[in-house]
Amino acid sequence: MLNQIEACCRHGDRFGRTVIVDTAYPNAPQSFNDLFSNYFVSTQPDLILDPGPYLALFDRLEVVPGPLRGRVNGYVPRYQDRQASFVDALSGTRLSFDLKSDYPEPLLVHHDCGGGKKSLAALTRLRLHDKLADELVNRLMAIGEPYTALHVRNTDYTSEYQKKIQTISTSIRGPVFVATDDPNCVEYAQRVFGRDRVFTFTTFPAPTAQPLHRHKADDATKYIINSDSILDLLMLALARNLYLFRLNQNDIGATFSGFSLLAGYLQHSGAILDRLIGRHNPVLERCGAVKSSNRRFFKYRWQAIRLMALKLRKSRAARCIYL
């Protein structure tokens, strides 16, 4: 998702367009399923995270792809393996446009999936929502000292994490943070390292073979699942040592989970982490929407998180190990 947001933002930067992100589109049930603005704040005036004020306008505009005219708010996306992209279920038209070209139409629609290194660049355009920043501090304080982090994806894609955890177990000291979509992985880590050393903050729905982001849930549960995923990403990136587990053979040929790779990239991008987890929003400040007391609060929040991050990582340079 972040990769797609960044692709659109680069197009917008080049051709002078505003990007409106709709991650709560009701006809795409296996997506984020909530407004991005509930989790992040845009630090750029041409990146809008809540489409609500603009939805009524969409169906009145000329649009690319053309077959969506008059039903931008009602098309049904269908993933087509042959094109490796989403198409409009009614017309069969690919739900995108040439990201290297400009168009005379006022509205362009890009509906796609897929990760990549551009995900990291997307985070430079965002700041973590205040509520999530506070929860991040709470979770860091719960661990309280430098920790090792493990990320294991083991639902739709699987990994041989048990043998590898056994192999590295004797070399790991101190707390162990586990981010995973499989509660069995947490239980296994607790058996290996000891229950008192293992930390996880994920709320798991009823067990299934689906990854967390594909669970059907009510609004409150969606918020919890999405928040946990975002905070897990940051917790992985703030670890002293980060272990990422290779996936078993799969139908897309992925060696590592895209989430794992993004955590690894972010761990070595301290400046992006700094901006993401606490600095005040310069767009709001320029508009006069942030009072001085709030600016001090933002500054305090950023300093609190940064000091905690430095405490957790200061004993040695952060390392990312791919197993």
Protein backbone atom coordinates (compact mmCIF):
# COMPACT_ATOMS: atom_id res chain seq x y z
CA MET A 1 0.00 0.00 0.00
CA LEU A 2 2.74 2.49 0.94
CA ASN A 3 4.54 1.65 -2.28
CA GLN A 4 1.44 2.54 -4.29
CA ILE A 5 0.93 5.77 -2.36
CA GLU A 6 4.50 6.83 -3.11
CA ALA A 7 4.12 5.97 -6.81
CA CYS A 8 1.08 8.25 -7.01
CA CYS A 9 2.78 10.99 -5.01
CA ARG A 10 5.72 11.00 -7.41
CA HIS A 11 3.30 11.35 -10.31
CA GLY A 12 1.57 14.16 -8.45
CA ASP A 13 4.87 15.92 -7.72
CA ARG A 14 5.83 15.73 -11.38
CA PHE A 15 2.53 16.87 -12.88
CA GLY A 16 1.13 19.14 -10.18
CA ARG A 17 -1.65 16.93 -8.89
CA THR A 18 -3.06 16.32 -5.43
CA VAL A 19 -3.11 12.71 -4.21
CA ILE A 20 -6.19 11.60 -2.27
CA VAL A 21 -5.76 8.27 -0.48
CA ASP A 22 -8.86 6.12 0.02
CA THR A 23 -7.99 3.07 2.12
CA ALA A 24 -11.58 2.60 3.29
CA TYR A 25 -13.18 1.92 -0.11
CA PRO A 26 -16.13 -0.37 0.74
CA ASN A 27 -15.90 -2.46 -2.45
CA ALA A 28 -12.35 -3.58 -1.60
CA PRO A 29 -13.00 -5.70 1.51
CA GLN A 30 -9.52 -7.22 1.74
CA SER A 31 -7.71 -3.93 2.06
CA PHE A 32 -6.84 -1.61 4.96
CA ASN A 33 -10.57 -1.07 5.57
CA ASP A 34 -10.19 2.20 7.42
CA LEU A 35 -9.22 5.81 6.81
CA PHE A 36 -5.47 6.34 6.65
CA SER A 37 -6.01 9.60 8.53
CA ASN A 38 -6.86 7.58 11.66
CA TYR A 39 -3.25 6.41 11.80
CA PHE A 40 -1.10 9.02 10.06
CA VAL A 41 -0.99 12.76 9.46
CA SER A 42 0.14 14.05 6.09
CA THR A 43 3.06 16.46 6.27
CA GLN A 44 2.44 17.62 2.70
CA PRO A 45 -0.49 19.78 1.54
CA ASP A 46 -0.90 17.80 -1.70
CA LEU A 47 -1.28 14.45 0.07
CA ILE A 48 -4.78 14.01 1.53
CA LEU A 49 -5.51 10.99 3.72
CA ASP A 50 -9.28 11.41 4.17
CA PRO A 51 -11.28 11.33 0.92
CA GLY A 52 -14.59 12.16 2.64
CA PRO A 53 -14.93 15.80 1.53
CA TYR A 54 -14.24 14.86 -2.10
CA LEU A 55 -16.30 11.69 -2.63
CA ALA A 56 -19.37 13.48 -3.98
CA LEU A 57 -17.20 15.18 -6.60
CA PHE A 58 -15.62 12.02 -8.00
CA ASP A 59 -18.61 10.79 -10.00
CA ARG A 60 -19.07 14.17 -11.69
CA LEU A 61 -15.58 14.38 -13.15
CA GLU A 62 -14.00 13.06 -16.32
CA VAL A 63 -11.77 10.21 -15.25
CA VAL A 64 -9.01 7.82 -16.31
CA PRO A 65 -9.73 4.94 -16.76
CA GLY A 66 -12.66 6.15 -18.86
CA PRO A 67 -15.07 3.27 -18.08
CA LEU A 68 -15.23 4.47 -14.45
CA ARG A 69 -17.00 7.70 -15.41
CA GLY A 70 -20.02 8.20 -13.15
CA ARG A 71 -19.20 5.23 -10.92
CA VAL A 72 -15.86 6.01 -9.31
CA ASN A 73 -17.58 5.45 -5.97
CA GLY A 74 -19.16 2.18 -7.05
CA TYR A 75 -16.81 0.11 -9.21
CA VAL A 76 -15.88 -3.39 -8.05
CA PRO A 77 -12.19 -4.30 -8.25
CA ARG A 78 -11.16 -7.80 -9.25
CA TYR A 79 -7.60 -9.08 -9.13
CA GLN A 80 -6.53 -10.62 -12.44
CA ASP A 81 -3.54 -12.93 -12.31
CA ARG A 82 -2.83 -12.59 -16.01
CA GLN A 83 -2.26 -8.85 -15.69
CA ALA A 84 -0.99 -9.07 -12.10
CA SER A 85 -3.19 -6.10 -11.27
CA PHE A 86 -6.73 -5.09 -10.42
CA VAL A 87 -9.34 -4.62 -13.14
CA ASP A 88 -12.82 -3.19 -13.12
CA ALA A 89 -15.19 -6.16 -12.79
CA LEU A 90 -17.72 -4.59 -15.18
CA SER A 91 -15.50 -3.47 -18.05
CA GLY A 92 -12.34 -5.52 -17.50
CA THR A 93 -10.28 -2.31 -17.68
CA ARG A 94 -7.11 -2.14 -15.61
CA LEU A 95 -7.68 0.18 -12.66
CA SER A 96 -4.72 2.45 -13.23
CA PHE A 97 -3.01 4.76 -15.72
CA ASP A 98 0.47 5.42 -17.09
CA LEU A 99 2.33 6.84 -14.10
CA LYS A 100 4.87 8.44 -16.43
CA SER A 101 2.32 10.50 -18.36
CA ASP A 102 0.05 13.45 -17.71
CA TYR A 103 -3.63 13.54 -18.70
CA PRO A 104 -6.16 16.28 -19.42
CA GLU A 105 -8.79 14.56 -17.26
CA PRO A 106 -9.05 16.08 -13.77
CA LEU A 107 -9.36 12.69 -12.00
CA LEU A 108 -7.03 9.69 -12.26
CA VAL A 109 -7.75 6.43 -10.41
CA HIS A 110 -5.01 4.02 -9.36
CA HIS A 111 -6.18 0.87 -7.55
CA ASP A 112 -3.34 -1.61 -7.08
CA CYS A 113 -1.28 -3.55 -4.56
CA GLY A 114 2.34 -4.55 -4.18
CA GLY A 115 5.25 -3.40 -2.06
CA GLY A 116 8.80 -2.29 -2.70
CA LYS A 117 11.49 0.16 -1.64
CA LYS A 118 9.28 3.13 -2.48
CA SER A 119 7.34 2.27 0.70
CA LEU A 120 10.13 3.82 2.74
CA ALA A 121 9.91 7.04 0.72
CA ALA A 122 6.16 7.22 1.39
CA LEU A 123 6.87 7.36 5.12
CA THR A 124 8.84 10.60 4.63
CA ARG A 125 5.53 12.25 3.73
CA LEU A 126 3.78 11.14 6.93
CA ARG A 127 3.80 11.56 10.68
CA LEU A 128 2.40 9.02 13.10
CA HIS A 129 -0.99 9.95 14.55
CA ASP A 130 -0.72 11.31 18.11
CA LYS A 131 -2.71 8.42 19.60
CA LEU A 132 -0.40 5.85 18.03
CA ALA A 133 2.71 7.82 19.04
CA ASP A 134 1.56 7.68 22.65
CA GLU A 135 0.92 3.95 22.41
CA LEU A 136 4.38 3.45 20.89
CA VAL A 137 5.92 5.10 23.95
CA ASN A 138 3.84 2.83 26.20
CA ARG A 139 5.06 -0.29 24.42
CA LEU A 140 8.69 0.80 24.46
CA MET A 141 8.41 1.55 28.17
CA ALA A 142 6.84 -1.86 28.81
CA ILE A 143 10.02 -3.47 27.44
CA GLY A 144 12.21 -0.83 29.03
CA GLU A 145 15.66 -1.85 27.81
CA PRO A 146 17.49 -2.81 24.59
CA TYR A 147 15.69 -5.67 22.92
CA THR A 148 15.96 -8.13 20.07
CA ALA A 149 13.07 -8.31 17.60
CA LEU A 150 11.82 -11.22 15.48
CA HIS A 151 9.40 -10.92 12.57
CA VAL A 152 7.73 -14.12 11.41
CA ARG A 153 5.01 -14.41 8.78
CA ASN A 154 3.41 -17.80 9.06
CA THR A 155 -0.17 -17.86 7.78
CA ASP A 156 -0.75 -17.63 4.02
CA TYR A 157 3.04 -17.64 3.60
CA THR A 158 5.03 -19.86 5.94
CA SER A 159 8.58 -20.10 7.24
CA GLU A 160 10.78 -22.59 9.07
CA TYR A 161 11.00 -20.32 12.07
CA GLN A 162 11.26 -22.99 14.78
CA LYS A 163 14.61 -24.42 13.71
CA LYS A 164 16.04 -20.95 13.15
CA ILE A 165 14.88 -19.63 16.52
CA GLN A 166 16.52 -22.62 18.17
CA THR A 167 19.75 -21.86 16.30
CA ILE A 168 19.93 -18.22 17.41
CA SER A 169 18.46 -18.66 20.91
CA THR A 170 21.76 -19.04 22.75
CA SER A 171 23.18 -15.84 21.27
CA ILE A 172 20.25 -13.60 22.26
CA ARG A 173 20.34 -11.76 25.56
CA GLY A 174 17.66 -9.63 27.17
CA PRO A 175 14.05 -9.05 26.08
CA VAL A 176 12.70 -10.47 22.83
CA PHE A 177 9.94 -8.67 20.91
CA VAL A 178 7.95 -10.90 18.54
CA ALA A 179 5.90 -9.48 15.66
CA THR A 180 3.94 -12.15 13.84
CA ASP A 181 0.57 -13.04 12.33
CA ASP A 182 0.67 -16.48 13.99
CA PRO A 183 0.02 -16.80 17.75
CA ASN A 184 1.70 -20.22 17.68
CA CYS A 185 4.96 -18.44 16.92
CA VAL A 186 4.61 -16.35 20.08
CA GLU A 187 3.96 -19.46 22.14
CA TYR A 188 7.01 -21.15 20.66
CA ALA A 189 9.22 -18.14 21.41
CA GLN A 190 7.96 -18.14 25.00
CA ARG A 191 8.94 -21.80 25.36
CA VAL A 192 12.42 -21.15 23.96
CA PHE A 193 13.28 -17.83 25.65
CA GLY A 194 10.99 -17.93 28.67
CA ARG A 195 7.61 -16.29 29.04
CA ASP A 196 8.99 -13.37 31.07
CA ARG A 197 11.46 -12.38 28.31
CA VAL A 198 9.05 -12.40 25.36
CA PHE A 199 6.94 -9.35 24.50
CA THR A 200 4.18 -9.12 21.93
CA PHE A 201 1.38 -6.59 21.70
CA THR A 202 -0.71 -7.99 18.85
CA THR A 203 -4.39 -8.73 19.38
CA PHE A 204 -5.06 -11.91 17.39
CA PRO A 205 -8.57 -12.56 15.97
CA ALA A 206 -9.98 -16.08 15.83
CA PRO A 207 -7.32 -18.42 14.39
CA THR A 208 -7.34 -18.79 10.61
CA ALA A 209 -4.79 -19.33 7.87
CA GLN A 210 -5.23 -15.70 6.73
CA PRO A 211 -2.82 -12.88 7.52
CA LEU A 212 -4.08 -10.25 9.95
CA HIS A 213 -4.82 -7.61 7.31
CA ARG A 214 -7.31 -9.91 5.56
CA HIS A 215 -9.52 -10.63 8.55
CA LYS A 216 -13.12 -9.45 8.35
CA ALA A 217 -13.77 -7.32 11.39
CA ASP A 218 -15.94 -4.57 12.84
CA ASP A 219 -14.65 -1.01 12.94
CA ALA A 220 -13.15 -1.26 16.42
CA THR A 221 -11.30 -4.48 15.59
CA LYS A 222 -10.05 -3.07 12.28
CA TYR A 223 -8.52 -0.17 14.16
CA ILE A 224 -6.79 -2.49 16.61
CA ILE A 225 -5.43 -4.76 13.85
CA ASN A 226 -4.17 -1.85 11.74
CA SER A 227 -2.66 -0.04 14.73
CA ASP A 228 -0.88 -3.17 15.91
CA SER A 229 0.61 -3.70 12.45
CA ILE A 230 1.91 -0.12 12.22
CA LEU A 231 3.32 -0.16 15.73
CA ASP A 232 4.89 -3.59 15.15
CA LEU A 233 6.71 -2.13 12.15
CA LEU A 234 8.13 0.68 14.26
CA MET A 235 9.00 -1.65 17.14
CA LEU A 236 10.92 -3.87 14.73
CA ALA A 237 12.79 -0.87 13.33
CA LEU A 238 13.72 0.38 16.81
CA ALA A 239 15.20 -2.96 17.90
CA ARG A 240 18.89 -3.35 18.70
CA ASN A 241 18.98 -6.58 16.71
CA LEU A 242 16.33 -7.47 14.13
CA TYR A 243 15.89 -11.02 12.83
CA LEU A 244 13.86 -11.54 9.66
CA PHE A 245 12.83 -15.05 8.61
CA ARG A 246 12.96 -16.31 5.05
CA LEU A 247 9.67 -17.51 3.57
CA ASN A 248 9.12 -21.00 2.28
CA GLN A 249 8.58 -21.42 -1.45
CA ASN A 250 5.44 -19.55 -2.51
CA ASP A 251 3.40 -18.69 -5.59
CA ILE A 252 4.80 -15.16 -5.97
CA GLY A 253 8.45 -16.12 -5.52
CA ALA A 254 8.95 -13.86 -2.48
CA THR A 255 12.01 -14.59 -0.37
CA PHE A 256 11.02 -12.36 2.53
CA SER A 257 7.76 -10.74 3.56
CA GLY A 258 7.38 -7.18 2.30
CA PHE A 259 6.69 -6.18 5.90
CA SER A 260 10.02 -7.71 6.95
CA LEU A 261 11.89 -5.88 4.23
CA LEU A 262 10.29 -2.54 5.10
CA ALA A 263 11.21 -3.01 8.77
CA GLY A 264 14.80 -3.72 7.72
CA TYR A 265 14.94 -0.61 5.51
CA LEU A 266 13.42 1.54 8.25
CA GLN A 267 15.82 0.28 10.91
CA HIS A 268 18.70 1.87 9.02
CA SER A 269 16.83 5.10 8.24
CA GLY A 270 17.06 7.04 11.48
CA ALA A 271 16.11 10.40 9.95
CA ILE A 272 12.88 8.95 8.56
CA LEU A 273 12.08 7.37 11.92
CA ASP A 274 12.65 10.70 13.65
CA ARG A 275 10.19 12.51 11.42
CA LEU A 276 7.67 9.70 11.42
CA ILE A 277 7.30 9.10 15.14
CA GLY A 278 6.94 12.52 16.63
CA ARG A 279 7.87 15.81 15.02
CA HIS A 280 5.04 18.34 14.76
CA ASN A 281 3.30 18.84 11.44
CA PRO A 282 4.88 21.80 9.58
CA VAL A 283 1.83 22.13 7.32
CA LEU A 284 -0.49 22.68 10.29
CA GLU A 285 1.96 25.05 11.94
CA ARG A 286 2.20 27.20 8.81
CA CYS A 287 -1.59 27.35 8.74
CA GLY A 288 -1.70 28.45 12.38
CA ALA A 289 -3.78 25.42 13.34
CA VAL A 290 -1.33 24.23 16.01
CA LYS A 291 -1.25 26.37 19.16
CA SER A 292 2.03 26.97 20.95
CA SER A 293 1.11 24.61 23.79
CA ASN A 294 0.50 21.85 21.27
CA ARG A 295 3.83 22.54 19.59
CA ARG A 296 5.53 22.06 22.93
CA PHE A 297 3.57 18.85 23.42
CA PHE A 298 4.60 17.59 19.98
CA LYS A 299 8.20 18.46 20.80
CA TYR A 300 7.97 16.67 24.12
CA ARG A 301 6.44 13.60 22.50
CA TRP A 302 9.17 13.49 19.88
CA GLN A 303 11.89 13.92 22.50
CA ALA A 304 10.37 11.23 24.72
CA ILE A 305 10.21 8.68 21.92
CA ARG A 306 13.64 9.59 20.58
CA LEU A 307 15.26 9.35 24.01
CA MET A 308 13.61 5.98 24.56
CA ALA A 309 14.80 4.79 21.15
CA LEU A 310 18.35 5.94 21.88
CA LYS A 311 18.28 4.17 25.24
CA LEU A 312 17.11 0.95 23.62
CA ARG A 313 19.78 1.03 20.90
CA LYS A 314 22.78 2.79 22.43
CA SER A 315 24.62 -0.30 23.67
CA ARG A 316 25.56 -1.31 20.10
CA ALA A 317 24.86 -0.41 16.52
CA ALA A 318 21.55 -1.74 15.25
CA ARG A 319 21.80 -4.90 13.17
CA CYS A 320 19.38 -6.57 10.77
CA ILE A 321 19.91 -10.31 10.24
CA TYR A 322 18.17 -12.18 7.41
CA LEU A 323 17.75 -15.87 8.24
